[in-house]
Amino acid sequence: MNSAKSPAIRLQHMLEHIDGILSATDGLSSREILDSYIVIRAVERSLQIISEAAKELPAGLLALEPEIPWRSIVGIGNLLRHEYYRIRDDDIIDILHHHLPDLRPAVLRLIEGLEKPRS
């Protein structure tokens, strides 16, 4: 497997983009986020990358974090790429405020699990 496509690398990409979104939007109101073309486009692009990385993770790995809506994460990327006109402002804000904060610790746990030596 190409190391750039390994689960560990994809999880790291997810973490980097989650952190990037959280950093870029920290201290901004929902309206400020939505009114800033640069911020909202950066958020959308990072969500696409998070989605694409999640799509390529093995099902067995995703099963370790069953409370995370993996199918929805993949789905938002598909919407942003192919049906962008269906995305509502409320969808993006909901992801920012309710889903990314839960996704981050789950991704960290998966990374830690991959880093543990197997006995």
N, C-alpha and C. Protein backbone atom coordinates (compact mmCIF):
# COMPACT_ATOMS: atom_id res chain seq x y z
N MET A 1 0.86 -1.19 0.00
CA MET A 1 0.00 0.00 0.00
C MET A 1 0.89 1.24 0.00
N ASN A 2 0.58 2.15 -0.85
CA ASN A 2 1.27 3.43 -0.89
C ASN A 2 1.13 4.09 0.48
N SER A 3 2.26 4.52 1.06
CA SER A 3 2.21 5.09 2.41
C SER A 3 1.32 6.33 2.49
N ALA A 4 1.19 7.08 1.40
CA ALA A 4 0.33 8.27 1.40
C ALA A 4 -1.14 7.88 1.51
N LYS A 5 -1.44 6.62 1.21
CA LYS A 5 -2.82 6.17 1.27
C LYS A 5 -3.08 5.26 2.47
N SER A 6 -2.12 5.13 3.34
CA SER A 6 -2.30 4.27 4.51
C SER A 6 -3.34 4.87 5.44
N PRO A 7 -4.02 4.03 6.22
CA PRO A 7 -5.00 4.56 7.17
C PRO A 7 -4.40 5.59 8.12
N ALA A 8 -3.18 5.36 8.57
CA ALA A 8 -2.56 6.32 9.50
C ALA A 8 -2.39 7.69 8.85
N ILE A 9 -1.97 7.71 7.61
CA ILE A 9 -1.78 8.99 6.90
C ILE A 9 -3.13 9.65 6.65
N ARG A 10 -4.12 8.88 6.24
CA ARG A 10 -5.45 9.46 5.99
C ARG A 10 -6.05 10.02 7.28
N LEU A 11 -5.87 9.32 8.38
CA LEU A 11 -6.36 9.84 9.67
C LEU A 11 -5.62 11.12 10.05
N GLN A 12 -4.33 11.16 9.77
CA GLN A 12 -3.57 12.38 10.05
C GLN A 12 -4.08 13.54 9.20
N HIS A 13 -4.38 13.27 7.94
CA HIS A 13 -4.96 14.32 7.08
C HIS A 13 -6.28 14.81 7.65
N MET A 14 -7.10 13.88 8.12
CA MET A 14 -8.38 14.27 8.72
C MET A 14 -8.15 15.18 9.92
N LEU A 15 -7.23 14.78 10.79
CA LEU A 15 -6.95 15.57 11.99
C LEU A 15 -6.45 16.97 11.62
N GLU A 16 -5.55 17.05 10.65
CA GLU A 16 -5.02 18.36 10.23
C GLU A 16 -6.14 19.27 9.72
N HIS A 17 -7.07 18.71 8.97
CA HIS A 17 -8.14 19.54 8.42
C HIS A 17 -9.20 19.87 9.47
N ILE A 18 -9.45 18.97 10.39
CA ILE A 18 -10.35 19.31 11.50
C ILE A 18 -9.75 20.47 12.29
N ASP A 19 -8.47 20.34 12.63
CA ASP A 19 -7.81 21.40 13.39
C ASP A 19 -7.76 22.71 12.60
N GLY A 20 -7.55 22.61 11.30
CA GLY A 20 -7.54 23.81 10.47
C GLY A 20 -8.88 24.52 10.48
N ILE A 21 -9.95 23.76 10.36
CA ILE A 21 -11.30 24.35 10.40
C ILE A 21 -11.55 24.99 11.75
N LEU A 22 -11.25 24.26 12.81
CA LEU A 22 -11.50 24.78 14.15
C LEU A 22 -10.69 26.05 14.41
N SER A 23 -9.46 26.08 13.94
CA SER A 23 -8.61 27.25 14.11
C SER A 23 -9.13 28.44 13.28
N ALA A 24 -9.50 28.17 12.03
CA ALA A 24 -9.95 29.25 11.14
C ALA A 24 -11.27 29.87 11.60
N THR A 25 -12.07 29.09 12.30
CA THR A 25 -13.40 29.58 12.70
C THR A 25 -13.47 29.96 14.18
N ASP A 26 -12.39 29.75 14.90
CA ASP A 26 -12.37 30.06 16.33
C ASP A 26 -12.67 31.54 16.57
N GLY A 27 -13.63 31.80 17.42
CA GLY A 27 -13.98 33.17 17.76
C GLY A 27 -14.90 33.86 16.77
N LEU A 28 -15.24 33.17 15.69
CA LEU A 28 -16.15 33.76 14.70
C LEU A 28 -17.58 33.29 14.95
N SER A 29 -18.50 34.18 14.77
CA SER A 29 -19.92 33.80 14.86
C SER A 29 -20.30 33.03 13.59
N SER A 30 -21.41 32.34 13.66
CA SER A 30 -21.91 31.64 12.47
C SER A 30 -22.05 32.60 11.30
N ARG A 31 -22.58 33.76 11.55
CA ARG A 31 -22.78 34.75 10.48
C ARG A 31 -21.44 35.19 9.90
N GLU A 32 -20.43 35.41 10.77
CA GLU A 32 -19.11 35.82 10.27
C GLU A 32 -18.48 34.73 9.40
N ILE A 33 -18.67 33.50 9.79
CA ILE A 33 -18.15 32.38 9.00
C ILE A 33 -18.81 32.37 7.63
N LEU A 34 -20.13 32.45 7.62
CA LEU A 34 -20.87 32.37 6.37
C LEU A 34 -20.67 33.59 5.48
N ASP A 35 -20.42 34.74 6.09
CA ASP A 35 -20.24 35.97 5.32
C ASP A 35 -18.83 36.11 4.74
N SER A 36 -17.90 35.30 5.22
CA SER A 36 -16.53 35.38 4.70
C SER A 36 -16.34 34.34 3.60
N TYR A 37 -16.23 34.81 2.38
CA TYR A 37 -16.05 33.91 1.24
C TYR A 37 -14.84 32.99 1.46
N ILE A 38 -13.75 33.56 1.91
CA ILE A 38 -12.53 32.78 2.08
C ILE A 38 -12.70 31.73 3.18
N VAL A 39 -13.28 32.11 4.29
CA VAL A 39 -13.44 31.16 5.40
C VAL A 39 -14.38 30.02 5.00
N ILE A 40 -15.52 30.34 4.45
CA ILE A 40 -16.49 29.29 4.13
C ILE A 40 -15.97 28.36 3.03
N ARG A 41 -15.24 28.91 2.04
CA ARG A 41 -14.66 28.05 1.00
C ARG A 41 -13.57 27.15 1.59
N ALA A 42 -12.78 27.68 2.52
CA ALA A 42 -11.74 26.87 3.17
C ALA A 42 -12.39 25.75 3.99
N VAL A 43 -13.46 26.07 4.69
CA VAL A 43 -14.17 25.06 5.47
C VAL A 43 -14.72 23.98 4.54
N GLU A 44 -15.35 24.39 3.46
CA GLU A 44 -15.91 23.42 2.52
C GLU A 44 -14.82 22.52 1.93
N ARG A 45 -13.70 23.10 1.55
CA ARG A 45 -12.61 22.31 0.98
C ARG A 45 -12.06 21.32 2.01
N SER A 46 -11.89 21.78 3.23
CA SER A 46 -11.40 20.87 4.27
C SER A 46 -12.39 19.76 4.56
N LEU A 47 -13.68 20.06 4.52
CA LEU A 47 -14.69 19.02 4.70
C LEU A 47 -14.62 18.00 3.57
N GLN A 48 -14.33 18.45 2.35
CA GLN A 48 -14.16 17.52 1.23
C GLN A 48 -12.99 16.57 1.49
N ILE A 49 -11.89 17.12 1.98
CA ILE A 49 -10.71 16.30 2.24
C ILE A 49 -10.98 15.32 3.38
N ILE A 50 -11.62 15.78 4.43
CA ILE A 50 -11.99 14.89 5.54
C ILE A 50 -12.88 13.76 5.02
N SER A 51 -13.83 14.11 4.19
CA SER A 51 -14.75 13.13 3.62
C SER A 51 -14.01 12.10 2.77
N GLU A 52 -13.14 12.58 1.90
CA GLU A 52 -12.40 11.68 1.01
C GLU A 52 -11.50 10.75 1.81
N ALA A 53 -10.84 11.28 2.82
CA ALA A 53 -9.98 10.44 3.66
C ALA A 53 -10.81 9.38 4.39
N ALA A 54 -11.95 9.77 4.92
CA ALA A 54 -12.82 8.83 5.63
C ALA A 54 -13.33 7.73 4.70
N LYS A 55 -13.63 8.12 3.48
CA LYS A 55 -14.15 7.15 2.49
C LYS A 55 -13.17 6.02 2.24
N GLU A 56 -11.89 6.31 2.34
CA GLU A 56 -10.87 5.32 2.03
C GLU A 56 -10.39 4.51 3.23
N LEU A 57 -10.93 4.79 4.42
CA LEU A 57 -10.52 4.03 5.60
C LEU A 57 -11.19 2.65 5.60
N PRO A 58 -10.49 1.64 6.07
CA PRO A 58 -11.08 0.29 6.12
C PRO A 58 -12.30 0.24 7.05
N ALA A 59 -13.29 -0.54 6.64
CA ALA A 59 -14.52 -0.66 7.43
C ALA A 59 -14.24 -1.15 8.85
N GLY A 60 -13.28 -2.05 9.00
CA GLY A 60 -12.95 -2.55 10.33
C GLY A 60 -12.43 -1.47 11.25
N LEU A 61 -11.71 -0.52 10.70
CA LEU A 61 -11.21 0.60 11.49
C LEU A 61 -12.35 1.52 11.88
N LEU A 62 -13.23 1.82 10.95
CA LEU A 62 -14.38 2.69 11.24
C LEU A 62 -15.29 2.06 12.29
N ALA A 63 -15.37 0.75 12.29
CA ALA A 63 -16.23 0.05 13.25
C ALA A 63 -15.76 0.25 14.69
N LEU A 64 -14.51 0.66 14.87
CA LEU A 64 -14.00 0.92 16.22
C LEU A 64 -14.59 2.19 16.83
N GLU A 65 -15.18 3.01 16.00
CA GLU A 65 -15.82 4.26 16.46
C GLU A 65 -17.25 4.30 15.91
N PRO A 66 -18.12 3.40 16.39
CA PRO A 66 -19.46 3.27 15.80
C PRO A 66 -20.37 4.47 16.01
N GLU A 67 -20.07 5.32 16.99
CA GLU A 67 -20.93 6.48 17.24
C GLU A 67 -20.70 7.60 16.23
N ILE A 68 -19.65 7.50 15.45
CA ILE A 68 -19.36 8.52 14.44
C ILE A 68 -20.16 8.19 13.18
N PRO A 69 -20.88 9.15 12.61
CA PRO A 69 -21.68 8.90 11.41
C PRO A 69 -20.82 8.90 10.14
N TRP A 70 -20.03 7.85 9.97
CA TRP A 70 -19.08 7.79 8.86
C TRP A 70 -19.77 7.95 7.51
N ARG A 71 -20.92 7.33 7.35
CA ARG A 71 -21.63 7.43 6.06
C ARG A 71 -22.00 8.88 5.77
N SER A 72 -22.40 9.62 6.78
CA SER A 72 -22.74 11.03 6.60
C SER A 72 -21.51 11.87 6.28
N ILE A 73 -20.38 11.50 6.87
CA ILE A 73 -19.13 12.23 6.59
C ILE A 73 -18.76 12.06 5.12
N VAL A 74 -18.86 10.84 4.63
CA VAL A 74 -18.59 10.60 3.22
C VAL A 74 -19.63 11.32 2.36
N GLY A 75 -20.88 11.28 2.80
CA GLY A 75 -21.96 11.90 2.04
C GLY A 75 -21.81 13.40 1.88
N ILE A 76 -21.34 14.09 2.92
CA ILE A 76 -21.20 15.55 2.80
C ILE A 76 -20.15 15.90 1.75
N GLY A 77 -19.12 15.09 1.66
CA GLY A 77 -18.11 15.33 0.62
C GLY A 77 -18.70 15.16 -0.77
N ASN A 78 -19.52 14.13 -0.94
CA ASN A 78 -20.17 13.94 -2.23
C ASN A 78 -21.07 15.11 -2.57
N LEU A 79 -21.81 15.59 -1.59
CA LEU A 79 -22.67 16.75 -1.83
C LEU A 79 -21.85 17.98 -2.20
N LEU A 80 -20.78 18.23 -1.47
CA LEU A 80 -19.95 19.40 -1.76
C LEU A 80 -19.32 19.32 -3.15
N ARG A 81 -18.99 18.11 -3.59
CA ARG A 81 -18.37 17.96 -4.90
C ARG A 81 -19.38 17.97 -6.05
N HIS A 82 -20.48 17.29 -5.86
CA HIS A 82 -21.38 17.03 -6.99
C HIS A 82 -22.73 17.73 -6.91
N GLU A 83 -23.19 18.04 -5.73
CA GLU A 83 -24.51 18.66 -5.57
C GLU A 83 -24.41 19.84 -4.61
N TYR A 84 -23.39 20.65 -4.82
CA TYR A 84 -23.09 21.78 -3.93
C TYR A 84 -24.28 22.70 -3.73
N TYR A 85 -25.15 22.78 -4.69
CA TYR A 85 -26.33 23.66 -4.62
C TYR A 85 -27.34 23.18 -3.58
N ARG A 86 -27.19 21.94 -3.11
CA ARG A 86 -28.10 21.42 -2.08
C ARG A 86 -27.63 21.71 -0.66
N ILE A 87 -26.39 22.14 -0.51
CA ILE A 87 -25.85 22.43 0.82
C ILE A 87 -26.43 23.73 1.34
N ARG A 88 -26.97 23.66 2.54
CA ARG A 88 -27.52 24.86 3.18
C ARG A 88 -26.51 25.40 4.19
N ASP A 89 -26.58 26.69 4.43
CA ASP A 89 -25.70 27.30 5.42
C ASP A 89 -25.81 26.59 6.76
N ASP A 90 -27.02 26.24 7.15
CA ASP A 90 -27.24 25.56 8.43
C ASP A 90 -26.51 24.22 8.50
N ASP A 91 -26.39 23.54 7.35
CA ASP A 91 -25.68 22.26 7.32
C ASP A 91 -24.22 22.45 7.71
N ILE A 92 -23.58 23.45 7.13
CA ILE A 92 -22.17 23.70 7.42
C ILE A 92 -21.98 24.10 8.88
N ILE A 93 -22.82 24.98 9.37
CA ILE A 93 -22.71 25.43 10.76
C ILE A 93 -22.96 24.27 11.72
N ASP A 94 -23.92 23.41 11.41
CA ASP A 94 -24.20 22.24 12.25
C ASP A 94 -22.98 21.32 12.32
N ILE A 95 -22.34 21.10 11.19
CA ILE A 95 -21.13 20.28 11.17
C ILE A 95 -20.05 20.91 12.04
N LEU A 96 -19.86 22.21 11.88
CA LEU A 96 -18.82 22.91 12.65
C LEU A 96 -19.05 22.82 14.15
N HIS A 97 -20.27 23.04 14.56
CA HIS A 97 -20.56 23.14 16.00
C HIS A 97 -20.88 21.82 16.67
N HIS A 98 -21.39 20.85 15.92
CA HIS A 98 -21.86 19.62 16.55
C HIS A 98 -21.11 18.36 16.14
N HIS A 99 -20.55 18.33 14.97
CA HIS A 99 -19.94 17.09 14.50
C HIS A 99 -18.42 17.08 14.57
N LEU A 100 -17.78 18.18 14.17
CA LEU A 100 -16.31 18.20 14.23
C LEU A 100 -15.78 18.03 15.65
N PRO A 101 -16.40 18.65 16.66
CA PRO A 101 -15.88 18.44 18.01
C PRO A 101 -15.95 16.98 18.47
N ASP A 102 -16.90 16.21 17.96
CA ASP A 102 -16.97 14.77 18.28
C ASP A 102 -16.02 13.95 17.41
N LEU A 103 -15.83 14.38 16.18
CA LEU A 103 -14.98 13.63 15.26
C LEU A 103 -13.51 13.69 15.67
N ARG A 104 -13.07 14.84 16.14
CA ARG A 104 -11.65 15.01 16.47
C ARG A 104 -11.15 13.96 17.47
N PRO A 105 -11.79 13.78 18.65
CA PRO A 105 -11.28 12.77 19.58
C PRO A 105 -11.37 11.35 19.03
N ALA A 106 -12.37 11.08 18.20
CA ALA A 106 -12.48 9.75 17.60
C ALA A 106 -11.30 9.49 16.67
N VAL A 107 -10.95 10.48 15.87
CA VAL A 107 -9.80 10.35 14.97
C VAL A 107 -8.52 10.16 15.78
N LEU A 108 -8.38 10.91 16.85
CA LEU A 108 -7.20 10.75 17.72
C LEU A 108 -7.12 9.34 18.30
N ARG A 109 -8.25 8.80 18.73
CA ARG A 109 -8.26 7.44 19.27
C ARG A 109 -7.86 6.42 18.20
N LEU A 110 -8.34 6.61 16.99
CA LEU A 110 -7.98 5.69 15.91
C LEU A 110 -6.48 5.78 15.60
N ILE A 111 -5.95 6.99 15.57
CA ILE A 111 -4.51 7.17 15.34
C ILE A 111 -3.72 6.47 16.44
N GLU A 112 -4.12 6.69 17.68
CA GLU A 112 -3.42 6.07 18.81
C GLU A 112 -3.49 4.55 18.72
N GLY A 113 -4.64 4.03 18.31
CA GLY A 113 -4.78 2.58 18.17
C GLY A 113 -3.87 2.00 17.11
N LEU A 114 -3.66 2.75 16.03
CA LEU A 114 -2.76 2.28 14.97
C LEU A 114 -1.30 2.36 15.40
N GLU A 115 -1.00 3.28 16.30
CA GLU A 115 0.39 3.47 16.73
C GLU A 115 0.82 2.47 17.80
N LYS A 116 -0.16 1.84 18.47
CA LYS A 116 0.18 0.87 19.53
C LYS A 116 0.83 -0.35 18.90
N PRO A 117 1.91 -0.82 19.53
CA PRO A 117 2.53 -2.05 19.01
C PRO A 117 1.59 -3.23 19.21
N ARG A 118 1.53 -4.07 18.22
CA ARG A 118 0.68 -5.27 18.30
C ARG A 118 1.47 -6.39 18.94
N SER A 119 0.79 -7.10 19.82
CA SER A 119 1.49 -8.20 20.51
C SER A 119 1.13 -9.53 19.90
